Protein backbone atom coordinates (compact mmCIF):
# COMPACT_ATOMS: atom_id res chain seq x y z
CA MET A 1 39.10 8.70 2.79
CA LYS A 2 35.64 9.59 3.89
CA VAL A 3 32.37 7.71 2.90
CA TYR A 4 28.75 9.15 3.16
CA ILE A 5 25.92 6.51 3.56
CA THR A 6 22.38 7.80 2.90
CA ARG A 7 20.40 5.31 5.04
CA ASN A 8 21.16 2.85 7.81
CA ILE A 9 22.51 -0.24 6.25
CA PRO A 10 23.25 -3.76 7.81
CA GLU A 11 26.19 -3.86 10.12
CA VAL A 12 28.12 -6.25 7.84
CA GLY A 13 28.63 -3.37 5.34
CA ILE A 14 29.57 -0.82 8.02
CA LYS A 15 32.10 -3.21 9.43
CA MET A 16 33.68 -3.81 6.03
CA LEU A 17 34.13 0.03 5.43
CA LYS A 18 35.47 0.54 8.93
CA ASP A 19 37.93 -2.52 8.54
CA ALA A 20 39.24 -0.93 5.48
CA GLY A 21 40.19 2.00 7.43
CA LEU A 22 37.60 4.41 5.93
CA ASP A 23 35.92 7.20 7.78
CA ILE A 24 32.14 6.79 7.46
CA THR A 25 29.12 8.90 8.23
CA VAL A 26 25.51 7.59 8.11
CA TRP A 27 22.45 9.64 7.59
CA ASP A 28 20.26 8.08 10.33
CA GLU A 29 17.32 10.56 10.49
CA LYS A 30 13.70 9.14 9.58
CA ARG A 31 13.30 11.61 6.82
CA HIS A 32 14.52 11.83 3.29
CA GLN A 33 17.47 14.12 2.87
CA PRO A 34 16.78 16.94 0.28
CA GLU A 35 18.95 17.01 -2.68
CA ASP A 36 20.61 20.41 -2.05
CA GLU A 37 21.25 19.48 1.56
CA LEU A 38 22.94 16.09 0.38
CA ILE A 39 25.00 17.68 -2.29
CA LYS A 40 26.33 20.31 0.18
CA VAL A 41 27.36 17.57 2.66
CA LEU A 42 29.04 15.41 0.07
CA GLN A 43 31.50 18.05 -0.73
CA GLN A 44 33.44 16.85 2.17
CA TYR A 45 33.41 13.03 1.13
CA ASP A 46 35.16 10.84 -1.39
CA ALA A 47 32.46 8.35 -1.92
CA VAL A 48 28.74 8.02 -1.50
CA LEU A 49 26.98 4.60 -0.72
CA VAL A 50 23.35 5.11 -1.86
CA SER A 51 20.52 3.42 -0.07
CA GLY A 52 16.97 4.61 -0.69
CA PRO A 53 15.38 6.73 -3.40
CA VAL A 54 18.13 9.36 -4.02
CA LYS A 55 17.91 10.93 -7.43
CA VAL A 56 21.53 10.96 -8.85
CA ASP A 57 20.78 13.19 -11.96
CA ARG A 58 23.18 15.36 -13.99
CA HIS A 59 22.91 18.09 -11.71
CA PHE A 60 23.86 16.03 -8.61
CA LEU A 61 26.74 14.45 -10.42
CA GLU A 62 28.17 17.76 -11.84
CA SER A 63 27.73 19.23 -8.23
CA CYS A 64 29.85 16.31 -7.04
CA GLN A 65 32.36 15.63 -9.61
CA HIS A 66 35.06 14.91 -6.98
CA LEU A 67 33.41 11.65 -5.93
CA LYS A 68 35.23 8.32 -6.86
CA ILE A 69 32.10 6.32 -6.79
CA VAL A 70 28.30 6.20 -6.36
CA SER A 71 27.81 2.85 -4.78
CA LEU A 72 24.18 1.59 -5.16
CA MET A 73 22.67 -0.83 -2.52
CA SER A 74 20.25 -2.06 -5.35
CA VAL A 75 20.18 -3.72 -8.51
CA GLY A 76 18.23 -1.03 -10.34
CA TYR A 77 20.02 2.14 -11.44
CA ASP A 78 17.13 4.08 -12.99
CA ASN A 79 17.84 6.78 -10.52
CA VAL A 80 21.17 7.55 -11.85
CA ASP A 81 22.07 9.48 -15.06
CA ILE A 82 24.52 6.85 -16.30
CA GLU A 83 25.84 8.84 -19.20
CA ALA A 84 26.55 11.91 -17.01
CA ALA A 85 28.45 9.62 -14.68
CA ARG A 86 30.44 8.01 -17.49
CA THR A 87 31.17 11.45 -18.86
CA LEU A 88 32.37 12.73 -15.61
CA GLY A 89 34.41 9.65 -14.76
CA ILE A 90 32.44 8.85 -11.68
CA ALA A 91 32.14 5.10 -11.05
CA VAL A 92 28.71 3.64 -10.32
CA GLY A 93 28.31 0.19 -8.67
CA ASN A 94 25.23 -2.03 -7.93
CA THR A 95 24.43 -5.23 -6.32
CA PRO A 96 22.88 -7.73 -8.93
CA GLY A 97 22.29 -11.43 -8.39
CA VAL A 98 22.04 -11.63 -4.57
CA LEU A 99 18.42 -10.50 -4.24
CA SER A 100 17.01 -12.85 -7.08
CA GLY A 101 15.60 -15.48 -4.81
CA ALA A 102 14.01 -13.07 -2.20
CA THR A 103 12.42 -10.97 -4.95
CA ALA A 104 11.14 -13.95 -6.71
CA ASP A 105 9.47 -15.21 -3.47
CA THR A 106 7.85 -11.79 -3.09
CA ALA A 107 6.29 -12.17 -6.72
CA PHE A 108 5.18 -15.71 -5.74
CA LEU A 109 3.70 -14.47 -2.52
CA LEU A 110 1.87 -11.64 -4.36
CA MET A 111 0.51 -14.08 -7.03
CA LEU A 112 -0.86 -16.31 -4.36
CA ALA A 113 -2.18 -13.61 -2.28
CA ALA A 114 -4.07 -11.92 -5.24
CA SER A 115 -5.43 -15.22 -6.67
CA ARG A 116 -7.07 -16.13 -3.23
CA LYS A 117 -7.99 -12.47 -2.14
CA ALA A 118 -5.79 -13.17 0.92
CA PHE A 119 -4.97 -9.64 1.89
CA HIS A 120 -8.74 -8.69 1.56
CA MET A 121 -9.93 -11.66 3.54
CA HIS A 122 -7.37 -10.93 6.42
CA LYS A 123 -8.80 -7.36 6.62
CA GLU A 124 -12.50 -8.67 6.70
CA ILE A 125 -11.46 -10.62 9.91
CA ILE A 126 -10.11 -7.53 11.50
CA ARG A 127 -13.37 -5.67 10.53
CA GLY A 128 -15.39 -8.28 12.21
CA ASN A 129 -16.91 -9.61 9.00
CA TRP A 130 -16.20 -13.35 9.66
CA HIS A 131 -19.84 -14.64 10.21
CA PHE A 132 -22.04 -16.52 7.71
CA TRP A 133 -20.43 -18.98 5.46
CA ASP A 134 -21.44 -18.54 1.87
CA PRO A 135 -20.13 -21.04 -0.49
CA THR A 136 -20.36 -18.77 -3.39
CA ALA A 137 -18.57 -15.72 -1.86
CA ASN A 138 -14.99 -14.74 -1.97
CA LEU A 139 -13.98 -17.35 -4.55
CA GLY A 140 -10.41 -17.18 -5.84
CA LEU A 141 -8.53 -18.65 -8.63
CA GLU A 142 -6.41 -21.79 -8.95
CA LEU A 143 -2.97 -21.54 -10.44
CA GLY A 144 -2.30 -25.14 -11.31
CA ASN A 145 -1.32 -25.79 -15.01
CA ARG A 146 -1.88 -22.09 -15.83
CA THR A 147 0.37 -20.09 -17.93
CA LEU A 148 2.84 -17.62 -16.55
CA GLY A 149 4.08 -14.86 -18.88
CA ILE A 150 7.33 -13.10 -17.71
CA VAL A 151 8.26 -9.71 -19.04
CA GLY A 152 12.11 -9.54 -18.51
CA LEU A 153 13.21 -13.20 -17.99
CA GLY A 154 16.50 -12.57 -16.18
CA LYS A 155 17.83 -13.89 -12.97
CA ILE A 156 14.75 -13.05 -10.89
CA GLY A 157 12.19 -14.02 -13.51
CA PHE A 158 14.01 -17.40 -13.78
CA GLU A 159 13.88 -17.88 -10.11
CA LEU A 160 10.07 -17.16 -10.16
CA ALA A 161 9.58 -19.38 -13.12
CA LYS A 162 11.09 -22.32 -11.34
CA ARG A 163 8.89 -21.89 -8.35
CA CYS A 164 5.77 -21.76 -10.63
CA ARG A 165 6.86 -24.73 -12.70
CA GLY A 166 7.72 -26.75 -9.74
CA ALA A 167 4.78 -25.98 -7.52
CA TYR A 168 1.94 -25.56 -10.04
CA ASN A 169 3.22 -27.26 -13.24
CA MET A 170 2.76 -23.67 -15.06
CA LYS A 171 3.61 -23.24 -18.59
CA ILE A 172 6.25 -20.59 -19.01
CA ILE A 173 6.21 -18.00 -21.71
CA TYR A 174 8.28 -14.97 -21.75
CA HIS A 175 9.02 -11.71 -23.73
CA ASN A 176 12.78 -10.51 -23.83
CA ARG A 177 14.87 -8.65 -26.22
CA GLY A 178 17.07 -11.65 -26.60
CA THR A 179 16.46 -15.38 -25.81
CA ASN A 180 17.13 -17.13 -22.40
CA PRO A 181 18.57 -20.60 -23.42
CA GLU A 182 18.78 -21.76 -19.72
CA ALA A 183 15.11 -21.08 -19.19
CA GLU A 184 14.22 -22.67 -22.44
CA LYS A 185 16.18 -25.85 -21.68
CA GLU A 186 15.41 -26.35 -17.99
CA LEU A 187 11.85 -25.03 -17.88
CA GLY A 188 10.51 -25.34 -21.35
CA ALA A 189 9.98 -21.60 -21.47
CA VAL A 190 8.97 -20.22 -24.89
CA ARG A 191 9.70 -16.79 -26.10
CA VAL A 192 6.88 -14.87 -27.59
CA PRO A 193 6.02 -11.44 -28.93
CA PHE A 194 4.60 -8.99 -26.17
CA ASP A 195 1.07 -8.93 -27.43
CA GLU A 196 0.92 -12.90 -27.59
CA LEU A 197 2.22 -13.02 -23.94
CA LEU A 198 -0.53 -10.62 -22.91
CA GLN A 199 -3.25 -12.67 -24.62
CA GLN A 200 -2.01 -16.14 -23.35
CA SER A 201 -0.96 -15.61 -19.83
CA ASP A 202 -3.08 -16.27 -16.79
CA VAL A 203 -0.51 -14.43 -14.76
CA VAL A 204 1.84 -11.70 -16.13
CA SER A 205 4.83 -11.05 -13.91
CA VAL A 206 7.12 -7.92 -14.72
CA HIS A 207 10.95 -8.38 -14.07
CA THR A 208 12.24 -5.79 -16.41
CA ALA A 209 14.39 -2.64 -15.65
CA LEU A 210 12.67 0.82 -15.92
CA THR A 211 13.86 2.35 -19.12
CA PRO A 212 12.47 4.88 -21.56
CA GLU A 213 11.13 1.82 -23.53
CA THR A 214 9.46 0.18 -20.60
CA LYS A 215 8.04 3.31 -18.90
CA GLY A 216 4.46 2.97 -18.69
CA LEU A 217 4.56 -0.25 -20.86
CA PHE A 218 1.60 -1.65 -19.04
CA ASN A 219 -1.10 0.81 -19.90
CA LYS A 220 -4.76 0.84 -20.87
CA ASP A 221 -3.88 -0.73 -24.27
CA ALA A 222 -1.73 -3.58 -22.73
CA PHE A 223 -4.27 -4.45 -20.12
CA SER A 224 -7.00 -4.60 -22.71
CA LYS A 225 -5.17 -7.50 -24.30
CA MET A 226 -5.01 -9.60 -21.12
CA LYS A 227 -7.52 -12.21 -20.26
CA PRO A 228 -10.45 -11.07 -17.89
CA SER A 229 -9.19 -13.94 -15.56
CA SER A 230 -5.59 -12.68 -15.58
CA ILE A 231 -3.40 -11.48 -12.59
CA PHE A 232 -0.81 -8.63 -13.11
CA ILE A 233 2.32 -8.78 -10.86
CA ASN A 234 4.92 -6.23 -10.69
CA THR A 235 8.08 -6.42 -8.39
CA ALA A 236 10.25 -4.49 -10.72
CA ARG A 237 9.67 -0.74 -10.75
CA GLY A 238 6.41 1.18 -10.39
CA GLY A 239 6.97 3.34 -13.46
CA VAL A 240 6.55 0.10 -15.65
CA HIS A 241 2.76 0.21 -15.21
CA ASN A 242 0.57 3.30 -15.52
CA GLU A 243 -1.31 3.22 -12.02
CA GLU A 244 -4.51 4.96 -13.19
CA ASP A 245 -4.89 2.68 -16.13
CA LEU A 246 -4.39 -0.28 -13.79
CA ILE A 247 -7.06 0.81 -11.35
CA ALA A 248 -9.38 1.30 -14.39
CA ALA A 249 -8.66 -2.20 -15.74
CA LEU A 250 -9.31 -3.83 -12.26
CA GLU A 251 -12.48 -1.82 -11.56
CA SER A 252 -14.05 -2.56 -15.15
CA GLY A 253 -13.12 -6.33 -14.84
CA THR A 254 -10.76 -5.86 -17.87
CA ILE A 255 -8.14 -8.06 -15.72
CA TRP A 256 -8.92 -10.05 -12.51
CA GLY A 257 -6.47 -9.04 -10.07
CA ALA A 258 -2.96 -7.67 -9.32
CA GLY A 259 0.06 -8.03 -6.87
CA LEU A 260 2.36 -5.13 -6.45
CA ASP A 261 5.46 -4.71 -4.61
CA VAL A 262 6.33 -1.46 -6.42
CA THR A 263 3.93 1.57 -7.03
CA ASN A 264 3.99 4.88 -8.77
CA PRO A 265 4.55 6.95 -6.86
CA GLU A 266 6.35 5.46 -3.79
CA PRO A 267 5.30 5.60 -0.93
CA MET A 268 1.64 4.95 -2.15
CA ALA A 269 -1.09 7.12 -0.55
CA ALA A 270 -3.18 5.47 2.06
CA ASP A 271 -6.33 6.35 0.20
CA ASN A 272 -5.20 4.68 -3.13
CA PRO A 273 -8.21 2.62 -4.44
CA LEU A 274 -5.87 -0.47 -5.02
CA LEU A 275 -5.65 -0.93 -1.16
CA ASN A 276 -9.29 -1.74 -0.84
CA MET A 277 -9.71 -3.87 -3.85
CA PRO A 278 -10.44 -7.53 -2.96
CA ASN A 279 -8.28 -8.89 -5.78
CA VAL A 280 -5.38 -6.87 -5.21
CA ALA A 281 -2.31 -7.34 -2.81
CA VAL A 282 0.09 -4.39 -2.18
CA LEU A 283 3.47 -4.48 -0.32
CA PRO A 284 5.69 -1.59 0.32
CA HIS A 285 8.80 -2.45 -1.84
CA ILE A 286 10.04 -5.42 0.30
CA GLY A 287 11.26 -7.53 -2.60
CA SER A 288 14.81 -7.78 -0.99
CA ALA A 289 13.86 -7.49 2.58
CA THR A 290 15.31 -10.54 4.18
CA VAL A 291 18.27 -10.84 6.52
CA ASP A 292 20.34 -12.79 4.15
CA THR A 293 19.63 -10.65 1.08
CA ARG A 294 20.13 -7.32 2.68
CA ASN A 295 23.40 -8.35 4.28
CA ALA A 296 24.66 -9.53 0.90
CA MET A 297 23.64 -6.36 -0.84
CA ALA A 298 25.31 -4.19 1.96
CA GLY A 299 28.47 -6.26 1.49
CA ILE A 300 28.60 -5.83 -2.23
CA ALA A 301 27.91 -2.07 -1.98
CA ALA A 302 30.72 -1.64 0.71
CA LYS A 303 33.16 -3.77 -1.39
CA ASN A 304 32.55 -1.65 -4.34
CA VAL A 305 33.42 1.47 -2.29
CA ILE A 306 36.56 0.05 -1.12
CA LEU A 307 37.60 -1.15 -4.53
CA ALA A 308 36.97 2.18 -6.11
CA LEU A 309 38.89 4.05 -3.37
CA ARG A 310 41.83 1.76 -3.85
CA GLY A 311 41.82 2.52 -7.59
CA LEU A 312 40.59 -1.14 -8.49
CA PRO A 313 37.76 -2.43 -10.75
CA LEU A 314 34.51 -2.67 -9.04
CA GLN A 315 33.10 -5.98 -8.20
CA HIS A 316 29.75 -5.12 -9.80
CA ALA A 317 29.86 -2.07 -12.12
CA VAL A 318 27.36 -0.12 -13.99
CA VAL A 319 30.02 2.50 -14.69
CA GLN A 320 33.47 1.07 -14.26
CA ASN A 321 36.18 2.73 -12.00
CA LYS A 322 38.13 5.25 -14.16
CA HIS A 323 40.56 5.82 -11.36
CA LEU A 324 42.39 2.52 -11.76
CA ALA A 325 45.63 2.03 -9.92
């Protein structure tokens, strides 16, 4: 059985696949493989392990109906046409749970960096602008006893809330379709309507999936309801915020700052205005980029491939294996 991997992945995943007796090929060129090229290559394979921004749409899936599984090395699956995969009987696996702590750390880092203009001040040193000390210049915001509003309080949001509660005694409010009893019990989190969250929060952090309902959720209207002293954090998907509206909100002082690990589009252009705003911190989508987390993700993605090719249920399934033994 042959497996194609769309990016270099940690050795732990490669070893698992080889130890299972699978024939693997890794795309190791430093360029994105075009869809038509990838589809052509996959005709010779039984499974694909997807790492990176591969668009697995209906055309892709219909052209690769022979695949037993599309195994994602990610939690998110907004790049996959799930209904098409289900209709065609192609299993889809993902890697939830293992990256919650690392991504929450990234959100916490961005919150701190934006609140103290850290990225901007670092660049000022490099520019040679560390000279006269002005006690009224480059002032940031303190986070102690402020209100954190989380949109999408799942595992990642819960980990961020724990950090903010423990470090800064922040009040936790959240907006979900359902309730989160664990967060309410352990952290005193309070579920509120979306508009109320925007109005009350000093920091708004997004941890929701990208869906038709959440696409562009943070737009001009949403930013207009936030405090002028508020900070917007997005470590989920860039499509959840409207980037032009975010830039306008920051330039006009509608909100105070922002921290982004995801942008729209990705990669972000080097001349994007957000990169030169003092109150903004931007990272290149590194939420899960730790040795421990990426090893765990590679292991789950590989395990899903092995299980699918053996006709067994996936460890983590978005679309469960239809070729059960």
